Structure formats: structure tokens, C-alpha cells
Amino acid sequence: VKKRGLAGGIIGTDWTLSEVQESTVRKVVPGTRFVNIQNHCLAMQQVKTPEEMALIQRAYHYFDRVHAFARDYILERGTDLTDFELGQALQAFGIELLMSDIQRDGKPHSAVGIDVTSHYVRAGVASAYPHPNQFFHRKVERGQTVYVNTDLTIGGLGGECYRNYLIGPWTPAQERMWEVVAETVQIQEEESKAGAVCSEIATKIHQHQVDAGMQEFIYHRPAHGQGQFFVGHQPPFISLGDHTTLEENMTFSIEPGLYDSGLGIGINPSDNLRVTATRGVRFSGVPFSKEWSFLEI
């Protein structure tokens, strides 16, 4: 700061200096003020630029292919497959897919912010909890759910895209839970337009869940703002306590999940949408249909 001739001025930061840092400032650059402008920085991150939107959309084109691969892999391997193997296979497929398209020379600042994760792919009862803490290594079985989870970023932009598969034979309870989640996904898409209020969207989603008799299976808010790099969850939130007004080109996850730990089933797909003037528009083309999600192996 001193070498750049900025001593004695006002400098914006996205954090508040600690007492030790303030002491150093007084010694090295007396008269310099550091002002926390974190809220301004966050506001800039919340509304995505056209370039950021393009990177997000590119990431979700890869998601489409990764999920198609994962679904085919389940159908091909059937019960001769663990959730661990599925996760490793889709991660390897996704990385090869990305890296075949990314220009890189091995030097710093090329191929930055790229990731394809698979550590939350899980089968059976582990799908009945939002964030279970065990290592996942379980056989895919008939009559259970398989949760295909992956996060994908390019240049730190992208997000998450999850799908649940019901492996036949499924029960009426499993099918109904899947239907209610699909219905609330549609509610979030339809309501996520500029000028809408986060808490009001959350209310409509939760009311639909309650009206469908699913109140005891609600564990978390319907969605979070989509951050960059490894931030992931970023304000504002589609939740009862967040009264932020949506703006065009904000981006949100879509995950109005339901979890029945008693029966050992959970349905929590996720996606990413951008806010437009008239509705939310999903970035991915991965279907939410029964034809896609209900599998016989």
C-alpha cells in the first residue's frame, strides 16, 4: 500500500481488520483508513455478469452428460455396483470431459477453478439424511434410492446438480415423496422471478409440503444462493427468515428435499436456476421426470 502511494487514503476491504492488523497499519501507513465494504462485494457476486452466466451454463452442459453417464452406469451394472464405484466412475468421466475441452499449458493461471466432485454419491438409507457423515460404500439394491451427487465448476463458476433414482420395486410412500419434491421444484421455478421475495417463495414451497402431509420430513430451507469457487452457499437464501427481493441474474440452488429416516428414504434433487423477469430458468437439461428417475435393474 505504501509503495503504491496509497498511504493516508481510504481503502475498501471485504473484511474487518483485526487489532493486530490495525496496529500494523498505524505503524507503517499512519492516517490510512481501511473500510469494510463486504456487503458491496457480496452484492456484486450475487448478480451474475453475462460472462459469469456463460461459464455457469457451460458447466451445466457438462452436468447433463455426467448425469446421463451415471444413469447409464446404474442401468448397466445394476446391483453389482456400490455407490463408491459409481461416484469414482462419474468423477473420472467428468474430469476427462472437462479437460478435453480446457486449453491449458501447465503454467499458473490456466485450468483454474476446475472441479468435479462425487463424495456424496450414496445408496440406501444414507440418502435419508441431508448431510450424513459416514464414508459411503454400499451396494445398490432394489427397492432403495440412489442419490447421485456432483458439484462441477469451471473458473470457480458452476454449482451443484443432484438427482435421486428410485430402484424398483418402489413403494407408494417413495413414489409420493418423489412427486411432492418434483411439484415443489416446479413451484420454485415458477416463483423465482425478479421482484419476488425469498421468504414468500419459501412459504409457498413449505406450505405445499405440509398440505401433502410431508411436514415431518422437512429438514432444511428450499434453496441457497449459489456462490463462486468453494463458497457454495451464499446469501440470499430461499428461506422463511430471508426477506431479500430477487433481482434478475441472481442464481439459486433448487433443493426442496424431503427425508424419511424411519423408512430410510430421501429425495433431494438439486439444480441451479437464474432469476429472470418472469420465472426461474434451470441451467441443466437433466430431467425431473419419472421416466428418468424410476429405474428397473
C-alpha atoms as a PDB file:
ATOM      1  CA  VAL A   1       0.000   0.000   0.000  1.00  0.00           C
ATOM      2  CA  LYS A   2       2.794   2.395   0.910  1.00  0.00           C
ATOM      3  CA  LYS A   3       4.806   1.643  -2.242  1.00  0.00           C
ATOM      4  CA  ARG A   4       1.748   2.225  -4.409  1.00  0.00           C
ATOM      5  CA  GLY A   5       1.285   5.673  -2.948  1.00  0.00           C
ATOM      6  CA  LEU A   6      -1.993   4.874  -1.231  1.00  0.00           C
ATOM      7  CA  ALA A   7      -0.919   5.733   2.302  1.00  0.00           C
ATOM      8  CA  GLY A   8      -3.159   8.246   4.021  1.00  0.00           C
ATOM      9  CA  GLY A   9      -6.190   7.380   1.924  1.00  0.00           C
ATOM     10  CA  ILE A  10      -9.312   5.273   2.357  1.00  0.00           C
ATOM     11  CA  ILE A  11      -9.089   1.651   1.204  1.00  0.00           C
ATOM     12  CA  GLY A  12     -12.024  -0.727   0.864  1.00  0.00           C
ATOM     13  CA  THR A  13     -11.673  -4.339   2.042  1.00  0.00           C
ATOM     14  CA  ASP A  14     -14.079  -7.275   2.212  1.00  0.00           C
ATOM     15  CA  TRP A  15     -13.277  -7.937   5.865  1.00  0.00           C
ATOM     16  CA  THR A  16     -12.741  -6.009   9.088  1.00  0.00           C
ATOM     17  CA  LEU A  17      -9.116  -5.668  10.108  1.00  0.00           C
ATOM     18  CA  SER A  18      -8.088  -7.326  13.367  1.00  0.00           C
ATOM     19  CA  GLU A  19      -6.496  -5.377  16.208  1.00  0.00           C
ATOM     20  CA  VAL A  20      -3.063  -6.682  15.179  1.00  0.00           C
ATOM     21  CA  GLN A  21      -3.623  -5.575  11.576  1.00  0.00           C
ATOM     22  CA  GLU A  22      -4.879  -2.157  12.706  1.00  0.00           C
ATOM     23  CA  SER A  23      -1.749  -1.772  14.824  1.00  0.00           C
ATOM     24  CA  THR A  24       0.438  -2.551  11.818  1.00  0.00           C
ATOM     25  CA  VAL A  25      -1.455  -0.005   9.719  1.00  0.00           C
ATOM     26  CA  ARG A  26      -0.883   2.720  12.335  1.00  0.00           C
ATOM     27  CA  LYS A  27       2.848   1.963  12.350  1.00  0.00           C
ATOM     28  CA  VAL A  28       3.509   1.504   8.643  1.00  0.00           C
ATOM     29  CA  VAL A  29       0.904   3.728   6.922  1.00  0.00           C
ATOM     30  CA  PRO A  30      -0.384   6.157   9.566  1.00  0.00           C
ATOM     31  CA  GLY A  31      -3.529   8.033   8.644  1.00  0.00           C
ATOM     32  CA  THR A  32      -4.759   5.251   6.334  1.00  0.00           C
ATOM     33  CA  ARG A  33      -8.315   4.015   6.852  1.00  0.00           C
ATOM     34  CA  PHE A  34      -9.473   0.525   5.890  1.00  0.00           C
ATOM     35  CA  VAL A  35     -13.246   0.373   5.459  1.00  0.00           C
ATOM     36  CA  ASN A  36     -15.188  -2.899   5.326  1.00  0.00           C
ATOM     37  CA  ILE A  37     -17.226  -2.943   2.082  1.00  0.00           C
ATOM     38  CA  GLN A  38     -18.085  -6.635   2.296  1.00  0.00           C
ATOM     39  CA  ASN A  39     -21.766  -6.012   1.571  1.00  0.00           C
ATOM     40  CA  HIS A  40     -20.903  -4.242  -1.681  1.00  0.00           C
ATOM     41  CA  CYS A  41     -18.593  -7.092  -2.701  1.00  0.00           C
ATOM     42  CA  LEU A  42     -21.293  -9.650  -1.903  1.00  0.00           C
ATOM     43  CA  ALA A  43     -23.898  -7.719  -3.911  1.00  0.00           C
ATOM     44  CA  MET A  44     -21.565  -7.787  -6.922  1.00  0.00           C
ATOM     45  CA  GLN A  45     -21.226 -11.574  -6.559  1.00  0.00           C
ATOM     46  CA  GLN A  46     -24.955 -12.175  -6.153  1.00  0.00           C
ATOM     47  CA  VAL A  47     -25.961 -10.713  -9.515  1.00  0.00           C
ATOM     48  CA  LYS A  48     -24.030 -12.561 -12.202  1.00  0.00           C
ATOM     49  CA  THR A  49     -22.479 -10.887 -15.239  1.00  0.00           C
ATOM     50  CA  PRO A  50     -23.065 -12.210 -18.782  1.00  0.00           C
ATOM     51  CA  GLU A  51     -19.570 -13.746 -18.714  1.00  0.00           C
ATOM     52  CA  GLU A  52     -20.294 -15.495 -15.424  1.00  0.00           C
ATOM     53  CA  MET A  53     -23.609 -16.754 -16.755  1.00  0.00           C
ATOM     54  CA  ALA A  54     -21.838 -18.202 -19.775  1.00  0.00           C
ATOM     55  CA  LEU A  55     -19.392 -20.118 -17.580  1.00  0.00           C
ATOM     56  CA  ILE A  56     -22.216 -21.430 -15.385  1.00  0.00           C
ATOM     57  CA  GLN A  57     -24.166 -22.562 -18.430  1.00  0.00           C
ATOM     58  CA  ARG A  58     -21.090 -24.278 -19.816  1.00  0.00           C
ATOM     59  CA  ALA A  59     -20.649 -26.142 -16.520  1.00  0.00           C
ATOM     60  CA  TYR A  60     -24.254 -27.328 -16.667  1.00  0.00           C
ATOM     61  CA  HIS A  61     -23.851 -28.637 -20.205  1.00  0.00           C
ATOM     62  CA  TYR A  62     -21.190 -30.915 -18.722  1.00  0.00           C
ATOM     63  CA  PHE A  63     -23.568 -31.813 -15.884  1.00  0.00           C
ATOM     64  CA  ASP A  64     -26.078 -33.068 -18.456  1.00  0.00           C
ATOM     65  CA  ARG A  65     -23.544 -35.504 -19.865  1.00  0.00           C
ATOM     66  CA  VAL A  66     -22.212 -36.564 -16.457  1.00  0.00           C
ATOM     67  CA  HIS A  67     -25.707 -37.448 -15.226  1.00  0.00           C
ATOM     68  CA  ALA A  68     -26.534 -39.317 -18.419  1.00  0.00           C
ATOM     69  CA  PHE A  69     -23.333 -41.318 -17.904  1.00  0.00           C
ATOM     70  CA  ALA A  70     -24.189 -42.027 -14.239  1.00  0.00           C
ATOM     71  CA  ARG A  71     -27.712 -43.184 -15.063  1.00  0.00           C
ATOM     72  CA  ASP A  72     -26.464 -45.493 -17.806  1.00  0.00           C
ATOM     73  CA  TYR A  73     -23.833 -46.836 -15.402  1.00  0.00           C
ATOM     74  CA  ILE A  74     -26.507 -47.759 -12.840  1.00  0.00           C
ATOM     75  CA  LEU A  75     -28.598 -49.496 -15.505  1.00  0.00           C
ATOM     76  CA  GLU A  76     -25.559 -51.347 -16.844  1.00  0.00           C
ATOM     77  CA  ARG A  77     -24.111 -52.506 -13.522  1.00  0.00           C
ATOM     78  CA  GLY A  78     -27.326 -52.941 -11.537  1.00  0.00           C
ATOM     79  CA  THR A  79     -26.843 -54.450  -8.108  1.00  0.00           C
ATOM     80  CA  ASP A  80     -23.252 -55.332  -8.981  1.00  0.00           C
ATOM     81  CA  LEU A  81     -22.293 -51.771  -8.071  1.00  0.00           C
ATOM     82  CA  THR A  82     -21.521 -49.734  -4.979  1.00  0.00           C
ATOM     83  CA  ASP A  83     -22.227 -46.059  -4.515  1.00  0.00           C
ATOM     84  CA  PHE A  84     -18.470 -45.564  -4.109  1.00  0.00           C
ATOM     85  CA  GLU A  85     -17.766 -47.120  -7.515  1.00  0.00           C
ATOM     86  CA  LEU A  86     -20.481 -45.024  -9.119  1.00  0.00           C
ATOM     87  CA  GLY A  87     -19.029 -41.836  -7.654  1.00  0.00           C
ATOM     88  CA  GLN A  88     -15.499 -42.663  -8.749  1.00  0.00           C
ATOM     89  CA  ALA A  89     -16.665 -43.512 -12.272  1.00  0.00           C
ATOM     90  CA  LEU A  90     -18.696 -40.338 -12.771  1.00  0.00           C
ATOM     91  CA  GLN A  91     -15.919 -38.171 -11.352  1.00  0.00           C
ATOM     92  CA  ALA A  92     -13.363 -39.698 -13.733  1.00  0.00           C
ATOM     93  CA  PHE A  93     -15.792 -39.306 -16.640  1.00  0.00           C
ATOM     94  CA  GLY A  94     -16.497 -35.680 -15.726  1.00  0.00           C
ATOM     95  CA  ILE A  95     -12.836 -34.740 -15.331  1.00  0.00           C
ATOM     96  CA  GLU A  96     -11.917 -36.299 -18.685  1.00  0.00           C
ATOM     97  CA  LEU A  97     -14.852 -34.496 -20.284  1.00  0.00           C
ATOM     98  CA  LEU A  98     -13.796 -31.112 -18.935  1.00  0.00           C
ATOM     99  CA  MET A  99     -10.088 -31.455 -19.510  1.00  0.00           C
ATOM    100  CA  SER A 100     -10.552 -32.484 -23.124  1.00  0.00           C
ATOM    101  CA  ASP A 101     -12.145 -29.053 -23.697  1.00  0.00           C
ATOM    102  CA  ILE A 102      -9.962 -26.844 -21.492  1.00  0.00           C
ATOM    103  CA  GLN A 103      -6.958 -25.096 -23.022  1.00  0.00           C
ATOM    104  CA  ARG A 104      -4.023 -25.428 -20.638  1.00  0.00           C
ATOM    105  CA  ASP A 105      -0.245 -25.329 -20.709  1.00  0.00           C
ATOM    106  CA  GLY A 106       0.652 -26.492 -17.208  1.00  0.00           C
ATOM    107  CA  LYS A 107       1.638 -22.991 -16.131  1.00  0.00           C
ATOM    108  CA  PRO A 108      -0.063 -20.997 -13.360  1.00  0.00           C
ATOM    109  CA  HIS A 109      -3.421 -19.358 -14.119  1.00  0.00           C
ATOM    110  CA  SER A 110      -4.545 -21.941 -16.682  1.00  0.00           C
ATOM    111  CA  ALA A 111      -7.184 -24.583 -15.900  1.00  0.00           C
ATOM    112  CA  VAL A 112      -8.094 -22.676 -12.731  1.00  0.00           C
ATOM    113  CA  GLY A 113     -11.128 -23.322 -10.533  1.00  0.00           C
ATOM    114  CA  ILE A 114     -11.966 -26.687 -12.118  1.00  0.00           C
ATOM    115  CA  ASP A 115     -13.510 -29.435 -10.053  1.00  0.00           C
ATOM    116  CA  VAL A 116     -15.831 -32.416 -10.360  1.00  0.00           C
ATOM    117  CA  THR A 117     -16.800 -33.950  -7.019  1.00  0.00           C
ATOM    118  CA  SER A 118     -18.536 -37.220  -6.222  1.00  0.00           C
ATOM    119  CA  HIS A 119     -18.069 -37.715  -2.484  1.00  0.00           C
ATOM    120  CA  TYR A 120     -21.796 -37.546  -1.666  1.00  0.00           C
ATOM    121  CA  VAL A 121     -22.978 -40.237  -4.093  1.00  0.00           C
ATOM    122  CA  ARG A 122     -24.815 -42.664  -1.817  1.00  0.00           C
ATOM    123  CA  ALA A 123     -27.250 -45.570  -1.854  1.00  0.00           C
ATOM    124  CA  GLY A 124     -29.900 -46.814   0.544  1.00  0.00           C
ATOM    125  CA  VAL A 125     -30.581 -45.424   3.993  1.00  0.00           C
ATOM    126  CA  ALA A 126     -27.796 -42.812   3.755  1.00  0.00           C
ATOM    127  CA  SER A 127     -29.988 -40.916   1.281  1.00  0.00           C
ATOM    128  CA  ALA A 128     -32.486 -40.312   4.108  1.00  0.00           C
ATOM    129  CA  TYR A 129     -30.302 -37.629   5.708  1.00  0.00           C
ATOM    130  CA  PRO A 130     -29.320 -34.201   4.325  1.00  0.00           C
ATOM    131  CA  HIS A 131     -25.598 -34.471   5.102  1.00  0.00           C
ATOM    132  CA  PRO A 132     -24.658 -37.853   6.564  1.00  0.00           C
ATOM    133  CA  ASN A 133     -21.114 -38.004   7.910  1.00  0.00           C
ATOM    134  CA  GLN A 134     -20.024 -41.558   7.106  1.00  0.00           C
ATOM    135  CA  PHE A 135     -17.925 -42.895   4.254  1.00  0.00           C
ATOM    136  CA  PHE A 136     -20.210 -44.194   1.506  1.00  0.00           C
ATOM    137  CA  HIS A 137     -19.551 -47.746   0.353  1.00  0.00           C
ATOM    138  CA  ARG A 138     -22.820 -49.623  -0.066  1.00  0.00           C
ATOM    139  CA  LYS A 139     -24.256 -51.855  -2.742  1.00  0.00           C
ATOM    140  CA  VAL A 140     -27.046 -50.543  -4.936  1.00  0.00           C
ATOM    141  CA  GLU A 141     -30.146 -52.557  -4.031  1.00  0.00           C
ATOM    142  CA  ARG A 142     -33.617 -52.956  -5.440  1.00  0.00           C
ATOM    143  CA  GLY A 143     -36.339 -51.088  -3.590  1.00  0.00           C
ATOM    144  CA  GLN A 144     -33.987 -48.337  -2.441  1.00  0.00           C
ATOM    145  CA  THR A 145     -32.924 -44.875  -3.504  1.00  0.00           C
ATOM    146  CA  VAL A 146     -29.631 -43.888  -5.114  1.00  0.00           C
ATOM    147  CA  TYR A 147     -28.500 -40.300  -4.677  1.00  0.00           C
ATOM    148  CA  VAL A 148     -26.228 -39.139  -7.497  1.00  0.00           C
ATOM    149  CA  ASN A 149     -24.471 -36.018  -6.269  1.00  0.00           C
ATOM    150  CA  THR A 150     -21.867 -33.991  -8.069  1.00  0.00           C
ATOM    151  CA  ASP A 151     -20.563 -30.430  -7.958  1.00  0.00           C
ATOM    152  CA  LEU A 152     -18.855 -29.042 -11.036  1.00  0.00           C
ATOM    153  CA  THR A 153     -17.043 -25.754 -11.543  1.00  0.00           C
ATOM    154  CA  ILE A 154     -15.119 -24.040 -14.336  1.00  0.00           C
ATOM    155  CA  GLY A 155     -13.175 -20.961 -13.328  1.00  0.00           C
ATOM    156  CA  GLY A 156     -14.903 -21.295  -9.976  1.00  0.00           C
ATOM    157  CA  LEU A 157     -18.365 -20.971 -11.547  1.00  0.00           C
ATOM    158  CA  GLY A 158     -20.970 -23.670 -11.875  1.00  0.00           C
ATOM    159  CA  GLY A 159     -22.646 -25.275  -8.917  1.00  0.00           C
ATOM    160  CA  GLU A 160     -24.408 -28.461  -7.966  1.00  0.00           C
ATOM    161  CA  CYS A 161     -26.649 -30.884  -9.798  1.00  0.00           C
ATOM    162  CA  TYR A 162     -28.091 -33.887  -7.960  1.00  0.00           C
ATOM    163  CA  ARG A 163     -30.674 -36.487  -8.883  1.00  0.00           C
ATOM    164  CA  ASN A 164     -32.367 -39.262  -6.920  1.00  0.00           C
ATOM    165  CA  TYR A 165     -33.192 -42.567  -8.540  1.00  0.00           C
ATOM    166  CA  LEU A 166     -35.833 -44.934  -7.203  1.00  0.00           C
ATOM    167  CA  ILE A 167     -34.780 -48.503  -7.896  1.00  0.00           C
ATOM    168  CA  GLY A 168     -37.784 -50.734  -8.463  1.00  0.00           C
ATOM    169  CA  PRO A 169     -39.830 -52.076  -6.895  1.00  0.00           C
ATOM    170  CA  TRP A 170     -40.685 -48.767  -5.215  1.00  0.00           C
ATOM    171  CA  THR A 171     -43.364 -48.268  -2.607  1.00  0.00           C
ATOM    172  CA  PRO A 172     -46.301 -45.830  -2.772  1.00  0.00           C
ATOM    173  CA  ALA A 173     -44.600 -43.813   0.006  1.00  0.00           C
ATOM    174  CA  GLN A 174     -41.400 -43.490  -2.027  1.00  0.00           C
ATOM    175  CA  GLU A 175     -43.320 -42.528  -5.145  1.00  0.00           C
ATOM    176  CA  ARG A 176     -45.420 -39.923  -3.332  1.00  0.00           C
ATOM    177  CA  MET A 177     -42.370 -38.319  -1.721  1.00  0.00           C
ATOM    178  CA  TRP A 178     -40.711 -38.088  -5.149  1.00  0.00           C
ATOM    179  CA  GLU A 179     -43.875 -36.498  -6.593  1.00  0.00           C
ATOM    180  CA  VAL A 180     -44.118 -33.848  -3.857  1.00  0.00           C
ATOM    181  CA  VAL A 181     -40.466 -32.898  -4.311  1.00  0.00           C
ATOM    182  CA  ALA A 182     -40.969 -32.619  -8.089  1.00  0.00           C
ATOM    183  CA  GLU A 183     -44.011 -30.405  -7.503  1.00  0.00           C
ATOM    184  CA  THR A 184     -42.076 -28.068  -5.196  1.00  0.00           C
ATOM    185  CA  VAL A 185     -39.231 -27.876  -7.710  1.00  0.00           C
ATOM    186  CA  GLN A 186     -41.808 -26.576 -10.189  1.00  0.00           C
ATOM    187  CA  ILE A 187     -43.107 -24.069  -7.626  1.00  0.00           C
ATOM    188  CA  GLN A 188     -39.617 -22.668  -7.101  1.00  0.00           C
ATOM    189  CA  GLU A 189     -39.045 -22.357 -10.838  1.00  0.00           C
ATOM    190  CA  GLU A 190     -42.348 -20.572 -11.393  1.00  0.00           C
ATOM    191  CA  GLU A 191     -41.963 -18.197  -8.434  1.00  0.00           C
ATOM    192  CA  SER A 192     -38.280 -17.218  -8.858  1.00  0.00           C
ATOM    193  CA  LYS A 193     -38.817 -14.000 -10.796  1.00  0.00           C
ATOM    194  CA  ALA A 194     -37.426 -10.528 -10.285  1.00  0.00           C
ATOM    195  CA  GLY A 195     -39.343  -8.685  -7.575  1.00  0.00           C
ATOM    196  CA  ALA A 196     -40.341 -11.822  -5.686  1.00  0.00           C
ATOM    197  CA  VAL A 197     -39.331 -12.145  -2.032  1.00  0.00           C
ATOM    198  CA  CYS A 198     -37.233 -15.084  -0.830  1.00  0.00           C
ATOM    199  CA  SER A 199     -39.354 -15.775   2.260  1.00  0.00           C
ATOM    200  CA  GLU A 200     -42.591 -15.746   0.258  1.00  0.00           C
ATOM    201  CA  ILE A 201     -41.241 -18.331  -2.187  1.00  0.00           C
ATOM    202  CA  ALA A 202     -40.117 -20.490   0.751  1.00  0.00           C
ATOM    203  CA  THR A 203     -43.569 -20.177   2.322  1.00  0.00           C
ATOM    204  CA  LYS A 204     -45.280 -21.454  -0.835  1.00  0.00           C
ATOM    205  CA  ILE A 205     -42.898 -24.402  -1.066  1.00  0.00           C
ATOM    206  CA  HIS A 206     -43.208 -25.374   2.588  1.00  0.00           C
ATOM    207  CA  GLN A 207     -46.994 -24.925   2.535  1.00  0.00           C
ATOM    208  CA  HIS A 208     -47.218 -27.366  -0.373  1.00  0.00           C
ATOM    209  CA  GLN A 209     -45.074 -29.853   1.542  1.00  0.00           C
ATOM    210  CA  VAL A 210     -47.272 -29.513   4.636  1.00  0.00           C
ATOM    211  CA  ASP A 211     -50.513 -29.778   2.627  1.00  0.00           C
ATOM    212  CA  ALA A 212     -49.157 -33.024   1.155  1.00  0.00           C
ATOM    213  CA  GLY A 213     -48.595 -34.442   4.642  1.00  0.00           C
ATOM    214  CA  MET A 214     -44.804 -34.232   4.444  1.00  0.00           C
ATOM    215  CA  GLN A 215     -44.171 -31.793   7.304  1.00  0.00           C
ATOM    216  CA  GLU A 216     -42.205 -34.274   9.449  1.00  0.00           C
ATOM    217  CA  PHE A 217     -39.783 -34.913   6.571  1.00  0.00           C
ATOM    218  CA  ILE A 218     -38.714 -31.264   6.123  1.00  0.00           C
ATOM    219  CA  TYR A 219     -35.173 -30.680   7.382  1.00  0.00           C
ATOM    220  CA  HIS A 220     -33.869 -27.548   5.662  1.00  0.00           C
ATOM    221  CA  ARG A 221     -34.688 -24.458   3.634  1.00  0.00           C
ATOM    222  CA  PRO A 222     -35.621 -24.974  -0.025  1.00  0.00           C
ATOM    223  CA  ALA A 223     -32.575 -23.267  -1.571  1.00  0.00           C
ATOM    224  CA  HIS A 224     -29.450 -21.159  -1.193  1.00  0.00           C
ATOM    225  CA  GLY A 225     -27.845 -18.516  -3.345  1.00  0.00           C
ATOM    226  CA  GLN A 226     -25.095 -20.014  -5.488  1.00  0.00           C
ATOM    227  CA  GLY A 227     -21.617 -18.740  -4.649  1.00  0.00           C
ATOM    228  CA  GLN A 228     -18.331 -18.964  -6.508  1.00  0.00           C
ATOM    229  CA  PHE A 229     -15.369 -21.285  -6.097  1.00  0.00           C
ATOM    230  CA  PHE A 230     -15.723 -23.170  -2.828  1.00  0.00           C
ATOM    231  CA  VAL A 231     -18.155 -20.759  -1.158  1.00  0.00           C
ATOM    232  CA  GLY A 232     -21.124 -22.725  -2.468  1.00  0.00           C
ATOM    233  CA  HIS A 233     -23.877 -21.469  -0.166  1.00  0.00           C
ATOM    234  CA  GLN A 234     -24.205 -17.704  -0.479  1.00  0.00           C
ATOM    235  CA  PRO A 235     -26.904 -15.216   0.525  1.00  0.00           C
ATOM    236  CA  PRO A 236     -29.676 -14.618  -0.197  1.00  0.00           C
ATOM    237  CA  PHE A 237     -31.494 -17.815   0.772  1.00  0.00           C
ATOM    238  CA  ILE A 238     -34.912 -19.144  -0.195  1.00  0.00           C
ATOM    239  CA  SER A 239     -35.908 -19.487   3.445  1.00  0.00           C
ATOM    240  CA  LEU A 240     -38.628 -18.267   5.783  1.00  0.00           C
ATOM    241  CA  GLY A 241     -36.319 -15.783   7.503  1.00  0.00           C
ATOM    242  CA  ASP A 242     -34.779 -14.135   4.426  1.00  0.00           C
ATOM    243  CA  HIS A 243     -36.802 -11.210   3.099  1.00  0.00           C
ATOM    244  CA  THR A 244     -34.484 -10.267   0.235  1.00  0.00           C
ATOM    245  CA  THR A 245     -36.081  -9.216  -3.045  1.00  0.00           C
ATOM    246  CA  LEU A 246     -34.899 -11.208  -6.042  1.00  0.00           C
ATOM    247  CA  GLU A 247     -33.110  -9.455  -8.909  1.00  0.00           C
ATOM    248  CA  GLU A 248     -32.574 -10.630 -12.450  1.00  0.00           C
ATOM    249  CA  ASN A 249     -29.477 -12.797 -12.902  1.00  0.00           C
ATOM    250  CA  MET A 250     -29.281 -13.907  -9.299  1.00  0.00           C
ATOM    251  CA  THR A 251     -28.666 -17.664  -9.160  1.00  0.00           C
ATOM    252  CA  PHE A 252     -30.046 -20.200  -6.672  1.00  0.00           C
ATOM    253  CA  SER A 253     -29.864 -23.885  -5.984  1.00  0.00           C
ATOM    254  CA  ILE A 254     -33.106 -25.877  -6.243  1.00  0.00           C
ATOM    255  CA  GLU A 255     -33.331 -28.421  -3.437  1.00  0.00           C
ATOM    256  CA  PRO A 256     -36.631 -28.632  -1.572  1.00  0.00           C
ATOM    257  CA  GLY A 257     -35.656 -32.044  -0.179  1.00  0.00           C
ATOM    258  CA  LEU A 258     -37.641 -34.451   1.981  1.00  0.00           C
ATOM    259  CA  TYR A 259     -36.129 -37.128   4.233  1.00  0.00           C
ATOM    260  CA  ASP A 260     -37.763 -40.105   5.972  1.00  0.00           C
ATOM    261  CA  SER A 261     -35.116 -41.633   8.225  1.00  0.00           C
ATOM    262  CA  GLY A 262     -37.635 -44.146   9.570  1.00  0.00           C
ATOM    263  CA  LEU A 263     -38.181 -45.756   6.174  1.00  0.00           C
ATOM    264  CA  GLY A 264     -34.629 -44.994   5.091  1.00  0.00           C
ATOM    265  CA  ILE A 265     -35.543 -42.946   2.009  1.00  0.00           C
ATOM    266  CA  GLY A 266     -34.806 -39.390   0.973  1.00  0.00           C
ATOM    267  CA  ILE A 267     -35.467 -37.322  -2.139  1.00  0.00           C
ATOM    268  CA  ASN A 268     -33.307 -34.237  -2.595  1.00  0.00           C
ATOM    269  CA  PRO A 269     -32.503 -33.405  -6.197  1.00  0.00           C
ATOM    270  CA  SER A 270     -30.661 -30.168  -6.805  1.00  0.00           C
ATOM    271  CA  ASP A 271     -30.046 -27.886  -9.711  1.00  0.00           C
ATOM    272  CA  ASN A 272     -29.264 -24.243 -10.371  1.00  0.00           C
ATOM    273  CA  LEU A 273     -31.556 -21.582 -11.741  1.00  0.00           C
ATOM    274  CA  ARG A 274     -31.196 -17.993 -12.783  1.00  0.00           C
ATOM    275  CA  VAL A 275     -33.789 -15.375 -11.965  1.00  0.00           C
ATOM    276  CA  THR A 276     -35.445 -13.710 -14.951  1.00  0.00           C
ATOM    277  CA  ALA A 277     -38.202 -11.105 -15.212  1.00  0.00           C
ATOM    278  CA  THR A 278     -40.910 -13.781 -15.463  1.00  0.00           C
ATOM    279  CA  ARG A 279     -39.653 -17.005 -13.780  1.00  0.00           C
ATOM    280  CA  GLY A 280     -36.634 -19.044 -12.760  1.00  0.00           C
ATOM    281  CA  VAL A 281     -34.846 -20.864 -15.568  1.00  0.00           C
ATOM    282  CA  ARG A 282     -32.820 -24.003 -14.869  1.00  0.00           C
ATOM    283  CA  PHE A 283     -29.323 -24.256 -16.275  1.00  0.00           C
ATOM    284  CA  SER A 284     -29.341 -28.047 -16.655  1.00  0.00           C
ATOM    285  CA  GLY A 285     -31.295 -30.248 -19.013  1.00  0.00           C
ATOM    286  CA  VAL A 286     -31.264 -33.246 -16.653  1.00  0.00           C
ATOM    287  CA  PRO A 287     -34.924 -34.355 -16.408  1.00  0.00           C
ATOM    288  CA  PHE A 288     -37.025 -34.363 -13.242  1.00  0.00           C
ATOM    289  CA  SER A 289     -39.426 -36.871 -14.827  1.00  0.00           C
ATOM    290  CA  LYS A 290     -40.448 -40.305 -13.557  1.00  0.00           C
ATOM    291  CA  GLU A 291     -39.243 -41.763 -16.857  1.00  0.00           C
ATOM    292  CA  TRP A 292     -35.739 -40.550 -15.963  1.00  0.00           C
ATOM    293  CA  SER A 293     -35.768 -41.177 -12.227  1.00  0.00           C
ATOM    294  CA  PHE A 294     -37.590 -44.505 -11.762  1.00  0.00           C
ATOM    295  CA  LEU A 295     -35.274 -47.356 -12.788  1.00  0.00           C
ATOM    296  CA  GLU A 296     -35.745 -51.096 -13.125  1.00  0.00           C
ATOM    297  CA  ILE A 297     -32.495 -53.056 -12.836  1.00  0.00           C
END
